[in-house]
C-alpha atoms as a PDB file:
ATOM      1  CA  UNK A   1     123.080 145.396 132.773  1.00  0.00           C
ATOM      2  CA  UNK A   2     120.621 142.439 133.134  1.00  0.00           C
ATOM      3  CA  UNK A   3     117.721 144.738 131.992  1.00  0.00           C
ATOM      4  CA  UNK A   4     119.719 145.813 128.986  1.00  0.00           C
ATOM      5  CA  UNK A   5     120.584 142.229 128.111  1.00  0.00           C
ATOM      6  CA  UNK A   6     116.836 141.103 128.621  1.00  0.00           C
ATOM      7  CA  UNK A   7     115.616 144.055 126.430  1.00  0.00           C
ATOM      8  CA  UNK A   8     118.248 143.081 123.677  1.00  0.00           C
ATOM      9  CA  UNK A   9     117.150 139.461 123.774  1.00  0.00           C
ATOM     10  CA  UNK A  10     113.372 140.373 123.563  1.00  0.00           C
ATOM     11  CA  UNK A  11     114.065 142.802 120.684  1.00  0.00           C
ATOM     12  CA  UNK A  12     115.912 140.061 118.708  1.00  0.00           C
ATOM     13  CA  UNK A  13     113.093 137.581 119.349  1.00  0.00           C
ATOM     14  CA  UNK A  14     110.313 139.986 118.333  1.00  0.00           C
ATOM     15  CA  UNK A  15     112.333 141.002 115.193  1.00  0.00           C
ATOM     16  CA  UNK A  16     113.067 137.401 114.346  1.00  0.00           C
ATOM     17  CA  UNK A  17     109.357 136.386 114.777  1.00  0.00           C
ATOM     18  CA  UNK A  18     108.205 139.140 112.350  1.00  0.00           C
ATOM     19  CA  UNK A  19     110.744 137.930 109.693  1.00  0.00           C
ATOM     20  CA  UNK A  20     110.799 134.267 110.370  1.00  0.00           C
ATOM     21  CA  UNK A  21     109.555 131.623 107.984  1.00  0.00           C
ATOM     22  CA  UNK A  22     108.041 129.452 110.691  1.00  0.00           C
ATOM     23  CA  UNK A  23     106.830 129.911 114.164  1.00  0.00           C
ATOM     24  CA  UNK A  24     105.613 127.353 116.699  1.00  0.00           C
ATOM     25  CA  UNK A  25     104.683 127.322 120.326  1.00  0.00           C
ATOM     26  CA  UNK A  26     104.520 124.127 122.414  1.00  0.00           C
ATOM     27  CA  UNK A  27     104.806 122.486 125.851  1.00  0.00           C
ATOM     28  CA  UNK A  28     107.419 120.120 127.070  1.00  0.00           C
ATOM     29  CA  UNK A  29     108.475 117.946 130.044  1.00  0.00           C
ATOM     30  CA  UNK A  30     110.797 115.367 130.949  1.00  0.00           C
ATOM     31  CA  UNK A  31     113.353 113.982 133.524  1.00  0.00           C
ATOM     32  CA  UNK A  32     116.577 115.758 135.046  1.00  0.00           C
ATOM     33  CA  UNK A  33     119.597 113.689 135.964  1.00  0.00           C
ATOM     34  CA  UNK A  34     121.681 116.125 137.779  1.00  0.00           C
ATOM     35  CA  UNK A  35     124.461 116.644 140.301  1.00  0.00           C
ATOM     36  CA  UNK A  36     126.235 119.515 142.008  1.00  0.00           C
ATOM     37  CA  UNK A  37     129.940 119.247 141.835  1.00  0.00           C
ATOM     38  CA  UNK A  38     132.237 120.184 144.747  1.00  0.00           C
ATOM     39  CA  UNK A  39     133.599 118.507 147.744  1.00  0.00           C
ATOM     40  CA  UNK A  40     130.408 119.370 149.752  1.00  0.00           C
ATOM     41  CA  UNK A  41     128.293 117.114 147.563  1.00  0.00           C
ATOM     42  CA  UNK A  42     128.107 113.395 146.696  1.00  0.00           C
ATOM     43  CA  UNK A  43     129.575 112.594 143.230  1.00  0.00           C
ATOM     44  CA  UNK A  44     126.545 110.797 142.063  1.00  0.00           C
ATOM     45  CA  UNK A  45     123.615 111.876 139.859  1.00  0.00           C
ATOM     46  CA  UNK A  46     120.125 112.202 141.285  1.00  0.00           C
ATOM     47  CA  UNK A  47     116.721 112.633 139.520  1.00  0.00           C
ATOM     48  CA  UNK A  48     114.303 115.600 139.175  1.00  0.00           C
ATOM     49  CA  UNK A  49     112.081 116.938 136.465  1.00  0.00           C
ATOM     50  CA  UNK A  50     111.290 119.983 134.206  1.00  0.00           C
ATOM     51  CA  UNK A  51     108.159 121.249 132.785  1.00  0.00           C
ATOM     52  CA  UNK A  52     107.635 124.232 130.585  1.00  0.00           C
ATOM     53  CA  UNK A  53     106.980 125.917 127.111  1.00  0.00           C
ATOM     54  CA  UNK A  54     109.082 126.570 124.095  1.00  0.00           C
ATOM     55  CA  UNK A  55     108.825 128.401 120.901  1.00  0.00           C
ATOM     56  CA  UNK A  56     110.585 127.869 117.515  1.00  0.00           C
ATOM     57  CA  UNK A  57     111.378 130.723 115.413  1.00  0.00           C
ATOM     58  CA  UNK A  58     112.664 129.753 112.036  1.00  0.00           C
ATOM     59  CA  UNK A  59     115.522 131.861 110.563  1.00  0.00           C
ATOM     60  CA  UNK A  60     115.665 130.224 107.072  1.00  0.00           C
ATOM     61  CA  UNK A  61     115.698 126.663 106.108  1.00  0.00           C
ATOM     62  CA  UNK A  62     118.314 125.268 108.501  1.00  0.00           C
ATOM     63  CA  UNK A  63     118.435 127.645 111.409  1.00  0.00           C
ATOM     64  CA  UNK A  64     116.004 128.570 114.190  1.00  0.00           C
ATOM     65  CA  UNK A  65     115.929 130.150 117.666  1.00  0.00           C
ATOM     66  CA  UNK A  66     114.246 128.108 120.359  1.00  0.00           C
ATOM     67  CA  UNK A  67     113.663 130.149 123.589  1.00  0.00           C
ATOM     68  CA  UNK A  68     112.105 128.196 126.383  1.00  0.00           C
ATOM     69  CA  UNK A  69     110.721 128.748 129.927  1.00  0.00           C
ATOM     70  CA  UNK A  70     111.095 125.748 132.232  1.00  0.00           C
ATOM     71  CA  UNK A  71     110.472 124.954 135.713  1.00  0.00           C
ATOM     72  CA  UNK A  72     113.408 122.742 136.844  1.00  0.00           C
ATOM     73  CA  UNK A  73     113.661 120.675 139.902  1.00  0.00           C
ATOM     74  CA  UNK A  74     117.054 119.540 141.225  1.00  0.00           C
ATOM     75  CA  UNK A  75     117.641 116.994 144.056  1.00  0.00           C
ATOM     76  CA  UNK A  76     120.947 116.295 145.637  1.00  0.00           C
ATOM     77  CA  UNK A  77     122.664 115.014 148.784  1.00  0.00           C
ATOM     78  CA  UNK A  78     125.659 116.518 150.585  1.00  0.00           C
ATOM     79  CA  UNK A  79     128.742 114.453 151.333  1.00  0.00           C
ATOM     80  CA  UNK A  80     130.491 113.902 154.673  1.00  0.00           C
ATOM     81  CA  UNK A  81     133.006 116.559 153.717  1.00  0.00           C
ATOM     82  CA  UNK A  82     130.409 119.140 154.116  1.00  0.00           C
ATOM     83  CA  UNK A  83     130.929 119.224 158.005  1.00  0.00           C
ATOM     84  CA  UNK A  84     134.750 119.080 157.433  1.00  0.00           C
ATOM     85  CA  UNK A  85     134.666 122.144 155.200  1.00  0.00           C
ATOM     86  CA  UNK A  86     132.081 124.176 157.054  1.00  0.00           C
ATOM     87  CA  UNK A  87     132.947 123.417 160.708  1.00  0.00           C
ATOM     88  CA  UNK A  88     131.599 126.738 161.877  1.00  0.00           C
ATOM     89  CA  UNK A  89     128.119 125.960 160.686  1.00  0.00           C
ATOM     90  CA  UNK A  90     125.419 123.939 162.387  1.00  0.00           C
ATOM     91  CA  UNK A  91     123.604 121.810 159.755  1.00  0.00           C
ATOM     92  CA  UNK A  92     120.238 120.177 160.637  1.00  0.00           C
ATOM     93  CA  UNK A  93     119.912 117.879 157.600  1.00  0.00           C
ATOM     94  CA  UNK A  94     122.727 117.279 155.263  1.00  0.00           C
ATOM     95  CA  UNK A  95     120.749 115.170 152.781  1.00  0.00           C
ATOM     96  CA  UNK A  96     117.772 115.478 150.333  1.00  0.00           C
ATOM     97  CA  UNK A  97     118.488 119.062 149.239  1.00  0.00           C
ATOM     98  CA  UNK A  98     115.819 120.349 146.846  1.00  0.00           C
ATOM     99  CA  UNK A  99     116.336 123.335 144.553  1.00  0.00           C
ATOM    100  CA  UNK A 100     113.528 124.690 142.206  1.00  0.00           C
ATOM    101  CA  UNK A 101     114.794 126.881 139.379  1.00  0.00           C
ATOM    102  CA  UNK A 102     112.932 129.015 136.662  1.00  0.00           C
ATOM    103  CA  UNK A 103     115.159 128.334 133.657  1.00  0.00           C
ATOM    104  CA  UNK A 104     115.397 130.199 130.460  1.00  0.00           C
ATOM    105  CA  UNK A 105     117.351 128.490 127.603  1.00  0.00           C
ATOM    106  CA  UNK A 106     117.822 130.263 124.450  1.00  0.00           C
ATOM    107  CA  UNK A 107     119.007 127.585 121.996  1.00  0.00           C
ATOM    108  CA  UNK A 108     120.218 128.049 118.394  1.00  0.00           C
ATOM    109  CA  UNK A 109     118.865 125.134 116.310  1.00  0.00           C
ATOM    110  CA  UNK A 110     120.614 123.763 113.274  1.00  0.00           C
ATOM    111  CA  UNK A 111     118.357 121.366 111.222  1.00  0.00           C
ATOM    112  CA  UNK A 112     120.588 118.654 109.858  1.00  0.00           C
ATOM    113  CA  UNK A 113     117.525 117.225 108.018  1.00  0.00           C
ATOM    114  CA  UNK A 114     113.655 117.160 108.360  1.00  0.00           C
ATOM    115  CA  UNK A 115     113.858 115.095 111.555  1.00  0.00           C
ATOM    116  CA  UNK A 116     117.158 115.770 113.203  1.00  0.00           C
ATOM    117  CA  UNK A 117     118.269 119.010 114.857  1.00  0.00           C
ATOM    118  CA  UNK A 118     121.447 120.105 116.777  1.00  0.00           C
ATOM    119  CA  UNK A 119     120.954 122.706 119.682  1.00  0.00           C
ATOM    120  CA  UNK A 120     123.369 124.809 121.640  1.00  0.00           C
ATOM    121  CA  UNK A 121     123.002 127.920 123.660  1.00  0.00           C
ATOM    122  CA  UNK A 122     122.961 129.703 127.129  1.00  0.00           C
ATOM    123  CA  UNK A 123     120.598 128.981 129.941  1.00  0.00           C
ATOM    124  CA  UNK A 124     119.763 131.532 132.647  1.00  0.00           C
ATOM    125  CA  UNK A 125     118.464 130.056 135.935  1.00  0.00           C
ATOM    126  CA  UNK A 126     116.636 131.958 138.666  1.00  0.00           C
ATOM    127  CA  UNK A 127     116.409 130.091 142.103  1.00  0.00           C
ATOM    128  CA  UNK A 128     112.667 130.121 143.123  1.00  0.00           C
ATOM    129  CA  UNK A 129     113.068 127.878 146.209  1.00  0.00           C
ATOM    130  CA  UNK A 130     115.462 125.998 148.250  1.00  0.00           C
ATOM    131  CA  UNK A 131     114.514 123.882 151.202  1.00  0.00           C
ATOM    132  CA  UNK A 132     115.853 125.496 154.361  1.00  0.00           C
ATOM    133  CA  UNK A 133     117.088 122.177 156.041  1.00  0.00           C
ATOM    134  CA  UNK A 134     120.596 122.590 155.013  1.00  0.00           C
ATOM    135  CA  UNK A 135     121.541 125.283 157.513  1.00  0.00           C
ATOM    136  CA  UNK A 136     119.622 125.575 160.875  1.00  0.00           C
ATOM    137  CA  UNK A 137     119.764 129.459 160.957  1.00  0.00           C
ATOM    138  CA  UNK A 138     117.961 129.522 157.599  1.00  0.00           C
ATOM    139  CA  UNK A 139     120.777 131.338 155.881  1.00  0.00           C
ATOM    140  CA  UNK A 140     120.575 130.872 151.997  1.00  0.00           C
ATOM    141  CA  UNK A 141     123.348 128.465 150.952  1.00  0.00           C
ATOM    142  CA  UNK A 142     122.823 128.778 147.097  1.00  0.00           C
ATOM    143  CA  UNK A 143     122.992 132.011 144.984  1.00  0.00           C
ATOM    144  CA  UNK A 144     119.762 133.248 143.412  1.00  0.00           C
ATOM    145  CA  UNK A 145     121.151 132.764 139.897  1.00  0.00           C
ATOM    146  CA  UNK A 146     122.837 130.268 137.696  1.00  0.00           C
ATOM    147  CA  UNK A 147     124.447 130.319 134.194  1.00  0.00           C
ATOM    148  CA  UNK A 148     124.860 127.423 132.161  1.00  0.00           C
ATOM    149  CA  UNK A 149     125.670 126.235 128.597  1.00  0.00           C
ATOM    150  CA  UNK A 150     123.395 123.731 126.968  1.00  0.00           C
ATOM    151  CA  UNK A 151     124.277 121.253 123.953  1.00  0.00           C
ATOM    152  CA  UNK A 152     121.896 118.615 122.557  1.00  0.00           C
ATOM    153  CA  UNK A 153     119.761 117.048 119.785  1.00  0.00           C
ATOM    154  CA  UNK A 154     116.216 117.013 119.119  1.00  0.00           C
ATOM    155  CA  UNK A 155     114.127 114.705 116.831  1.00  0.00           C
ATOM    156  CA  UNK A 156     111.064 116.121 115.238  1.00  0.00           C
ATOM    157  CA  UNK A 157     108.166 113.928 114.161  1.00  0.00           C
ATOM    158  CA  UNK A 158     105.268 116.083 112.876  1.00  0.00           C
ATOM    159  CA  UNK A 159     104.313 118.158 115.914  1.00  0.00           C
ATOM    160  CA  UNK A 160     106.077 115.826 118.529  1.00  0.00           C
ATOM    161  CA  UNK A 161     109.612 116.539 119.862  1.00  0.00           C
ATOM    162  CA  UNK A 162     112.013 114.122 121.565  1.00  0.00           C
ATOM    163  CA  UNK A 163     115.128 115.700 123.031  1.00  0.00           C
ATOM    164  CA  UNK A 164     118.147 115.008 125.001  1.00  0.00           C
ATOM    165  CA  UNK A 165     120.672 117.522 126.079  1.00  0.00           C
ATOM    166  CA  UNK A 166     123.547 118.286 128.583  1.00  0.00           C
ATOM    167  CA  UNK A 167     123.803 121.401 130.746  1.00  0.00           C
ATOM    168  CA  UNK A 168     127.170 122.463 132.275  1.00  0.00           C
ATOM    169  CA  UNK A 169     126.963 125.188 135.121  1.00  0.00           C
ATOM    170  CA  UNK A 170     129.538 127.893 134.560  1.00  0.00           C
ATOM    171  CA  UNK A 171     128.846 130.055 137.745  1.00  0.00           C
ATOM    172  CA  UNK A 172     129.655 129.071 141.362  1.00  0.00           C
ATOM    173  CA  UNK A 173     126.385 128.906 143.157  1.00  0.00           C
ATOM    174  CA  UNK A 174     127.799 128.610 146.657  1.00  0.00           C
ATOM    175  CA  UNK A 175     126.470 131.688 148.674  1.00  0.00           C
ATOM    176  CA  UNK A 176     128.113 130.643 151.794  1.00  0.00           C
ATOM    177  CA  UNK A 177     131.782 131.564 151.027  1.00  0.00           C
ATOM    178  CA  UNK A 178     134.543 130.439 148.531  1.00  0.00           C
ATOM    179  CA  UNK A 179     135.900 127.502 150.346  1.00  0.00           C
ATOM    180  CA  UNK A 180     134.243 125.083 147.874  1.00  0.00           C
ATOM    181  CA  UNK A 181     132.936 125.913 144.390  1.00  0.00           C
ATOM    182  CA  UNK A 182     129.579 124.452 143.728  1.00  0.00           C
ATOM    183  CA  UNK A 183     128.735 124.052 139.882  1.00  0.00           C
ATOM    184  CA  UNK A 184     125.643 122.244 138.444  1.00  0.00           C
ATOM    185  CA  UNK A 185     125.502 119.523 135.828  1.00  0.00           C
ATOM    186  CA  UNK A 186     122.642 117.866 134.285  1.00  0.00           C
ATOM    187  CA  UNK A 187     121.214 115.751 131.515  1.00  0.00           C
ATOM    188  CA  UNK A 188     117.698 116.372 130.413  1.00  0.00           C
ATOM    189  CA  UNK A 189     115.544 113.987 128.315  1.00  0.00           C
ATOM    190  CA  UNK A 190     111.952 114.690 127.551  1.00  0.00           C
ATOM    191  CA  UNK A 191     109.196 115.165 124.983  1.00  0.00           C
ATOM    192  CA  UNK A 192     107.242 118.027 123.773  1.00  0.00           C
ATOM    193  CA  UNK A 193     104.309 118.984 121.504  1.00  0.00           C
ATOM    194  CA  UNK A 194     103.997 121.990 119.265  1.00  0.00           C
ATOM    195  CA  UNK A 195     100.303 123.249 119.786  1.00  0.00           C
ATOM    196  CA  UNK A 196     100.591 126.226 117.290  1.00  0.00           C
END
């Protein structure tokens, strides 16, 4: 199923590129302001970063598709409730959890005018690395995949891009059990430059 979906997305992108009125490639980076929701985590935002590449595929005067490939780092801390919820697990360090994701947002752009763009779309995240200090036995606490929806704005100044977006996780990323549902939330702000 995942391979069929990926093949369909690639076919649409290739077809769109061939028919597009404009095509750009670029690099981008910025800050993540994120938190994991659930009783197991502190209800406060922490900071991380993202780096990656993007393309813009024009679909007429006002519409475009903007697929991206990003490396996202997420930092968070567990709350005191973690030990109450997971009494059968021995935790060595309940703070400073670091998650690294390969994220693939596929955004639909609506150009309000020459400078201002509204963006929305899905984001697929693949967990590349999680620090192993959450559980002493080394068991993975987080699922390997995360699915989110994004919405935001982008300002275009010639080749430069300045953007802000909000991502809300739709999937439960808790891989221990279903006692507590863990979902991601993040704000991203950053800059990019089209190099082609």
